[in-house]
């Protein structure tokens, strides 16, 4: 049960982060990705 709680918490944090990204892009679409991600992060995702 403890492992399930940790997994749900991790998925919740990731979900909120993705929702935040979606909201920011819809409101401020011309922003570069460097505003939301560090250089290493966006390069890794690219």
C-alpha atoms as a PDB file:
ATOM      1  CA  UNK A   1       0.000   0.000   0.000  1.00  0.00           C
ATOM      2  CA  UNK A   2       2.867   2.408   0.761  1.00  0.00           C
ATOM      3  CA  UNK A   3       4.344   1.854  -2.700  1.00  0.00           C
ATOM      4  CA  UNK A   4       0.965   2.638  -4.254  1.00  0.00           C
ATOM      5  CA  UNK A   5       0.719   5.888  -2.278  1.00  0.00           C
ATOM      6  CA  UNK A   6       4.190   6.943  -3.446  1.00  0.00           C
ATOM      7  CA  UNK A   7       3.319   6.107  -7.054  1.00  0.00           C
ATOM      8  CA  UNK A   8       0.063   8.075  -6.924  1.00  0.00           C
ATOM      9  CA  UNK A   9       1.899  11.045  -5.394  1.00  0.00           C
ATOM     10  CA  UNK A  10       4.548  10.949  -8.125  1.00  0.00           C
ATOM     11  CA  UNK A  11       1.924  10.742 -10.891  1.00  0.00           C
ATOM     12  CA  UNK A  12       0.002  13.608  -9.296  1.00  0.00           C
ATOM     13  CA  UNK A  13       3.064  15.861  -9.234  1.00  0.00           C
ATOM     14  CA  UNK A  14       3.835  15.021 -12.872  1.00  0.00           C
ATOM     15  CA  UNK A  15       0.206  15.628 -13.852  1.00  0.00           C
ATOM     16  CA  UNK A  16       0.128  19.051 -12.202  1.00  0.00           C
ATOM     17  CA  UNK A  17       3.393  19.972 -13.927  1.00  0.00           C
ATOM     18  CA  UNK A  18       1.979  18.992 -17.333  1.00  0.00           C
ATOM     19  CA  UNK A  19      -1.243  20.919 -16.661  1.00  0.00           C
ATOM     20  CA  UNK A  20       0.809  23.976 -15.675  1.00  0.00           C
ATOM     21  CA  UNK A  21       2.852  23.738 -18.895  1.00  0.00           C
ATOM     22  CA  UNK A  22      -0.323  23.425 -20.966  1.00  0.00           C
ATOM     23  CA  UNK A  23      -1.893  26.438 -19.272  1.00  0.00           C
ATOM     24  CA  UNK A  24       1.202  28.603 -19.696  1.00  0.00           C
ATOM     25  CA  UNK A  25       1.566  27.756 -23.386  1.00  0.00           C
ATOM     26  CA  UNK A  26      -2.098  28.546 -24.065  1.00  0.00           C
ATOM     27  CA  UNK A  27      -1.828  31.917 -22.333  1.00  0.00           C
ATOM     28  CA  UNK A  28       1.706  32.910 -23.425  1.00  0.00           C
ATOM     29  CA  UNK A  29       2.280  30.947 -26.631  1.00  0.00           C
ATOM     30  CA  UNK A  30       5.278  32.905 -28.008  1.00  0.00           C
ATOM     31  CA  UNK A  31       7.426  32.109 -24.949  1.00  0.00           C
ATOM     32  CA  UNK A  32      10.618  30.175 -25.694  1.00  0.00           C
ATOM     33  CA  UNK A  33      11.060  26.799 -24.019  1.00  0.00           C
ATOM     34  CA  UNK A  34      13.981  28.178 -21.984  1.00  0.00           C
ATOM     35  CA  UNK A  35      11.457  30.007 -19.795  1.00  0.00           C
ATOM     36  CA  UNK A  36       9.979  26.719 -18.596  1.00  0.00           C
ATOM     37  CA  UNK A  37      12.978  24.375 -18.856  1.00  0.00           C
ATOM     38  CA  UNK A  38      16.674  24.522 -18.108  1.00  0.00           C
ATOM     39  CA  UNK A  39      19.004  24.100 -21.093  1.00  0.00           C
ATOM     40  CA  UNK A  40      19.842  20.486 -20.232  1.00  0.00           C
ATOM     41  CA  UNK A  41      16.142  19.624 -19.838  1.00  0.00           C
ATOM     42  CA  UNK A  42      14.939  20.908 -23.188  1.00  0.00           C
ATOM     43  CA  UNK A  43      17.947  19.413 -24.995  1.00  0.00           C
ATOM     44  CA  UNK A  44      17.209  16.033 -23.439  1.00  0.00           C
ATOM     45  CA  UNK A  45      13.535  16.276 -24.442  1.00  0.00           C
ATOM     46  CA  UNK A  46      14.437  17.382 -27.952  1.00  0.00           C
END
